[in-house]
Amino acid sequence: LGMSPKKVGDDIVKGTISWKGIRVTVRLTIQNRAAKVDVEPNATSLVIKQLKEPLRDRKKTKNIKHSGNLTKAQLFDIVRQMRPKSLAREFKGT
């Protein structure tokens, strides 16, 4: 690609700073030797973020149980974010 891996890694870290401790998918778009980072969260990471759980180090803490309650509005917000990825024809299929 002709780009330094350190610079690409720094761009990824800068783009995913709000998702610290949560595993997300990152889409790299490279244009004119400039990397653009897009975070593509899955449903699990969106739910964990909505639960507002404390930050954790994934290398040290394993097999964590997530607990908490989500309101219907929070759940619909997650579903609306997942809608473009869904192949469902209607909102209820998401």
N, C-alpha and C. Protein backbone atom coordinates (compact mmCIF):
# COMPACT_ATOMS: atom_id res chain seq x y z
N LEU A 1 0.81 -1.20 0.00
CA LEU A 1 0.00 0.00 0.00
C LEU A 1 0.85 1.26 0.00
N GLY A 2 2.11 1.14 0.37
CA GLY A 2 2.99 2.29 0.38
C GLY A 2 2.80 3.21 1.56
N MET A 3 2.23 2.67 2.64
CA MET A 3 2.02 3.49 3.84
C MET A 3 2.74 2.85 5.01
N SER A 4 3.16 3.66 5.96
CA SER A 4 3.85 3.10 7.11
C SER A 4 2.84 2.45 8.06
N PRO A 5 3.11 1.23 8.49
CA PRO A 5 2.19 0.54 9.40
C PRO A 5 1.97 1.30 10.71
N LYS A 6 3.00 1.99 11.17
CA LYS A 6 2.86 2.75 12.42
C LYS A 6 1.83 3.85 12.26
N LYS A 7 1.83 4.54 11.13
CA LYS A 7 0.88 5.63 10.90
C LYS A 7 -0.54 5.07 10.78
N VAL A 8 -0.70 3.94 10.10
CA VAL A 8 -2.01 3.31 9.97
C VAL A 8 -2.52 2.87 11.34
N GLY A 9 -1.63 2.27 12.14
CA GLY A 9 -2.01 1.85 13.49
C GLY A 9 -2.41 3.02 14.36
N ASP A 10 -1.69 4.13 14.25
CA ASP A 10 -2.05 5.33 15.01
C ASP A 10 -3.41 5.87 14.59
N ASP A 11 -3.70 5.83 13.28
CA ASP A 11 -5.00 6.28 12.78
C ASP A 11 -6.12 5.40 13.33
N ILE A 12 -5.88 4.08 13.39
CA ILE A 12 -6.89 3.17 13.93
C ILE A 12 -7.13 3.45 15.41
N VAL A 13 -6.06 3.66 16.16
CA VAL A 13 -6.20 3.96 17.59
C VAL A 13 -6.98 5.26 17.78
N LYS A 14 -6.67 6.26 16.95
CA LYS A 14 -7.35 7.54 17.07
C LYS A 14 -8.83 7.42 16.72
N GLY A 15 -9.16 6.57 15.74
CA GLY A 15 -10.55 6.42 15.31
C GLY A 15 -11.39 5.57 16.24
N THR A 16 -10.75 4.71 17.02
CA THR A 16 -11.50 3.80 17.89
C THR A 16 -11.37 4.15 19.37
N ILE A 17 -11.02 5.38 19.67
CA ILE A 17 -10.78 5.76 21.07
C ILE A 17 -12.06 5.67 21.91
N SER A 18 -13.22 5.91 21.30
CA SER A 18 -14.47 5.84 22.07
C SER A 18 -14.93 4.39 22.29
N TRP A 19 -14.29 3.44 21.63
CA TRP A 19 -14.65 2.02 21.76
C TRP A 19 -13.60 1.27 22.56
N LYS A 20 -12.90 1.92 23.42
CA LYS A 20 -11.80 1.30 24.17
C LYS A 20 -12.31 0.12 25.00
N GLY A 21 -11.67 -1.03 24.86
CA GLY A 21 -12.04 -2.22 25.61
C GLY A 21 -13.13 -3.04 24.98
N ILE A 22 -13.69 -2.59 23.86
CA ILE A 22 -14.76 -3.32 23.17
C ILE A 22 -14.24 -3.68 21.78
N ARG A 23 -14.49 -4.90 21.37
CA ARG A 23 -14.01 -5.36 20.07
C ARG A 23 -14.95 -4.87 18.97
N VAL A 24 -14.40 -4.16 18.00
CA VAL A 24 -15.18 -3.65 16.87
C VAL A 24 -14.43 -3.93 15.57
N THR A 25 -15.16 -3.92 14.48
CA THR A 25 -14.56 -4.07 13.17
C THR A 25 -14.23 -2.69 12.63
N VAL A 26 -13.08 -2.58 11.98
CA VAL A 26 -12.63 -1.30 11.44
C VAL A 26 -12.49 -1.43 9.94
N ARG A 27 -13.07 -0.47 9.20
CA ARG A 27 -12.91 -0.45 7.75
C ARG A 27 -11.89 0.63 7.40
N LEU A 28 -10.86 0.21 6.70
CA LEU A 28 -9.82 1.16 6.27
C LEU A 28 -10.07 1.52 4.81
N THR A 29 -10.19 2.79 4.55
CA THR A 29 -10.31 3.28 3.18
C THR A 29 -9.05 4.10 2.90
N ILE A 30 -8.28 3.66 1.93
CA ILE A 30 -7.02 4.33 1.64
C ILE A 30 -7.14 5.05 0.31
N GLN A 31 -6.92 6.37 0.36
CA GLN A 31 -7.02 7.18 -0.82
C GLN A 31 -5.90 8.21 -0.80
N ASN A 32 -5.15 8.29 -1.85
CA ASN A 32 -4.01 9.21 -1.95
C ASN A 32 -3.05 9.04 -0.77
N ARG A 33 -2.76 7.79 -0.45
CA ARG A 33 -1.85 7.44 0.65
C ARG A 33 -2.27 8.02 1.99
N ALA A 34 -3.58 8.21 2.17
CA ALA A 34 -4.12 8.65 3.45
C ALA A 34 -5.18 7.65 3.88
N ALA A 35 -5.04 7.13 5.10
CA ALA A 35 -5.96 6.11 5.59
C ALA A 35 -7.13 6.79 6.31
N LYS A 36 -8.33 6.38 5.94
CA LYS A 36 -9.54 6.87 6.60
C LYS A 36 -10.13 5.69 7.36
N VAL A 37 -10.39 5.87 8.65
CA VAL A 37 -10.86 4.80 9.51
C VAL A 37 -12.36 4.94 9.74
N ASP A 38 -13.12 3.88 9.46
CA ASP A 38 -14.55 3.84 9.76
C ASP A 38 -14.79 2.68 10.72
N VAL A 39 -15.43 2.95 11.84
CA VAL A 39 -15.74 1.91 12.82
C VAL A 39 -17.07 1.29 12.43
N GLU A 40 -17.08 -0.04 12.34
CA GLU A 40 -18.29 -0.76 11.99
C GLU A 40 -18.66 -1.69 13.15
N PRO A 41 -19.36 -1.18 14.16
CA PRO A 41 -19.66 -2.01 15.32
C PRO A 41 -20.72 -3.06 15.00
N ASN A 42 -20.61 -4.20 15.67
CA ASN A 42 -21.65 -5.21 15.52
C ASN A 42 -22.66 -5.04 16.65
N ALA A 43 -23.70 -5.85 16.65
CA ALA A 43 -24.78 -5.70 17.63
C ALA A 43 -24.26 -5.89 19.05
N THR A 44 -23.37 -6.84 19.25
CA THR A 44 -22.85 -7.12 20.59
C THR A 44 -22.12 -5.92 21.17
N SER A 45 -21.25 -5.32 20.37
CA SER A 45 -20.50 -4.18 20.88
C SER A 45 -21.40 -2.98 21.14
N LEU A 46 -22.45 -2.81 20.34
CA LEU A 46 -23.40 -1.72 20.59
C LEU A 46 -24.16 -1.93 21.89
N VAL A 47 -24.55 -3.18 22.16
CA VAL A 47 -25.26 -3.47 23.41
C VAL A 47 -24.34 -3.24 24.61
N ILE A 48 -23.09 -3.68 24.53
CA ILE A 48 -22.15 -3.48 25.63
C ILE A 48 -21.92 -2.00 25.87
N LYS A 49 -21.86 -1.23 24.80
CA LYS A 49 -21.65 0.21 24.96
C LYS A 49 -22.88 0.87 25.59
N GLN A 50 -24.08 0.42 25.21
CA GLN A 50 -25.30 0.98 25.79
C GLN A 50 -25.44 0.63 27.27
N LEU A 51 -24.89 -0.51 27.68
CA LEU A 51 -24.94 -0.90 29.10
C LEU A 51 -24.02 -0.04 29.95
N LYS A 52 -23.15 0.73 29.30
CA LYS A 52 -22.20 1.62 29.99
C LYS A 52 -21.38 0.87 31.03
N GLU A 53 -20.83 -0.24 30.61
CA GLU A 53 -20.01 -1.04 31.52
C GLU A 53 -18.63 -0.39 31.66
N PRO A 54 -17.97 -0.61 32.79
CA PRO A 54 -16.64 -0.01 32.99
C PRO A 54 -15.62 -0.58 32.00
N LEU A 55 -14.60 0.19 31.72
CA LEU A 55 -13.55 -0.26 30.81
C LEU A 55 -12.87 -1.49 31.37
N ARG A 56 -12.46 -2.39 30.48
CA ARG A 56 -11.75 -3.58 30.94
C ARG A 56 -10.63 -3.88 29.98
N ASP A 57 -9.60 -4.53 30.50
CA ASP A 57 -8.48 -4.96 29.68
C ASP A 57 -8.78 -6.37 29.21
N ARG A 58 -8.98 -6.54 27.90
CA ARG A 58 -9.38 -7.85 27.38
C ARG A 58 -8.31 -8.90 27.58
N LYS A 59 -7.06 -8.48 27.75
CA LYS A 59 -5.99 -9.47 27.93
C LYS A 59 -5.96 -10.01 29.35
N LYS A 60 -6.45 -9.23 30.29
CA LYS A 60 -6.37 -9.65 31.70
C LYS A 60 -7.67 -10.25 32.21
N THR A 61 -8.81 -9.65 31.89
CA THR A 61 -10.09 -10.15 32.40
C THR A 61 -10.79 -10.96 31.33
N LYS A 62 -11.06 -12.22 31.65
CA LYS A 62 -11.70 -13.12 30.70
C LYS A 62 -13.03 -13.60 31.26
N ASN A 63 -13.88 -14.13 30.38
CA ASN A 63 -15.16 -14.73 30.74
C ASN A 63 -16.00 -13.81 31.62
N ILE A 64 -16.17 -12.57 31.19
CA ILE A 64 -16.94 -11.60 31.96
C ILE A 64 -18.42 -11.78 31.65
N LYS A 65 -19.25 -11.61 32.66
CA LYS A 65 -20.70 -11.67 32.49
C LYS A 65 -21.23 -10.25 32.41
N HIS A 66 -21.96 -9.97 31.36
CA HIS A 66 -22.54 -8.64 31.19
C HIS A 66 -23.94 -8.66 31.78
N SER A 67 -24.25 -7.68 32.59
CA SER A 67 -25.59 -7.62 33.17
C SER A 67 -26.05 -6.18 33.19
N GLY A 68 -27.34 -6.00 33.06
CA GLY A 68 -27.93 -4.66 33.08
C GLY A 68 -29.23 -4.67 32.30
N ASN A 69 -29.90 -3.55 32.34
CA ASN A 69 -31.18 -3.42 31.66
C ASN A 69 -31.08 -2.34 30.59
N LEU A 70 -31.76 -2.58 29.48
CA LEU A 70 -31.85 -1.59 28.42
C LEU A 70 -33.30 -1.20 28.24
N THR A 71 -33.54 0.06 27.99
CA THR A 71 -34.89 0.50 27.70
C THR A 71 -35.23 0.14 26.26
N LYS A 72 -36.51 0.20 25.95
CA LYS A 72 -36.95 -0.10 24.59
C LYS A 72 -36.36 0.91 23.61
N ALA A 73 -36.26 2.18 24.03
CA ALA A 73 -35.70 3.23 23.17
C ALA A 73 -34.23 2.95 22.87
N GLN A 74 -33.47 2.50 23.88
CA GLN A 74 -32.06 2.18 23.66
C GLN A 74 -31.92 1.02 22.69
N LEU A 75 -32.78 0.02 22.84
CA LEU A 75 -32.74 -1.14 21.95
C LEU A 75 -33.06 -0.74 20.52
N PHE A 76 -34.08 0.11 20.35
CA PHE A 76 -34.42 0.57 19.01
C PHE A 76 -33.31 1.41 18.40
N ASP A 77 -32.58 2.16 19.24
CA ASP A 77 -31.45 2.94 18.76
C ASP A 77 -30.37 2.01 18.20
N ILE A 78 -30.11 0.91 18.90
CA ILE A 78 -29.14 -0.08 18.43
C ILE A 78 -29.60 -0.68 17.11
N VAL A 79 -30.88 -1.01 17.03
CA VAL A 79 -31.42 -1.63 15.82
C VAL A 79 -31.33 -0.66 14.64
N ARG A 80 -31.56 0.62 14.89
CA ARG A 80 -31.46 1.60 13.80
C ARG A 80 -30.03 1.72 13.29
N GLN A 81 -29.06 1.57 14.18
CA GLN A 81 -27.67 1.61 13.74
C GLN A 81 -27.30 0.36 12.96
N MET A 82 -27.93 -0.76 13.27
CA MET A 82 -27.63 -2.01 12.57
C MET A 82 -28.44 -2.17 11.28
N ARG A 83 -29.43 -1.32 11.07
CA ARG A 83 -30.33 -1.44 9.92
C ARG A 83 -29.63 -1.51 8.57
N PRO A 84 -28.62 -0.66 8.29
CA PRO A 84 -27.98 -0.76 6.97
C PRO A 84 -27.27 -2.09 6.72
N LYS A 85 -26.83 -2.76 7.77
CA LYS A 85 -26.14 -4.04 7.60
C LYS A 85 -27.12 -5.19 7.43
N SER A 86 -28.36 -4.99 7.85
CA SER A 86 -29.35 -6.06 7.83
C SER A 86 -29.87 -6.27 6.41
N LEU A 87 -30.19 -7.51 6.13
CA LEU A 87 -30.79 -7.82 4.84
C LEU A 87 -32.30 -7.88 4.93
N ALA A 88 -32.87 -7.54 6.10
CA ALA A 88 -34.31 -7.59 6.29
C ALA A 88 -34.98 -6.49 5.48
N ARG A 89 -36.16 -6.79 4.99
CA ARG A 89 -36.88 -5.82 4.18
C ARG A 89 -37.54 -4.77 5.06
N GLU A 90 -37.99 -5.18 6.24
CA GLU A 90 -38.70 -4.26 7.13
C GLU A 90 -37.93 -4.08 8.43
N PHE A 91 -38.31 -3.07 9.19
CA PHE A 91 -37.64 -2.76 10.45
C PHE A 91 -37.78 -3.89 11.47
N LYS A 92 -38.93 -4.55 11.48
CA LYS A 92 -39.16 -5.60 12.48
C LYS A 92 -38.29 -6.83 12.22
N GLY A 93 -37.76 -6.99 11.03
CA GLY A 93 -36.89 -8.10 10.73
C GLY A 93 -35.44 -7.87 11.15
N THR A 94 -35.14 -6.63 11.54
CA THR A 94 -33.80 -6.30 11.97
C THR A 94 -33.66 -6.78 13.35
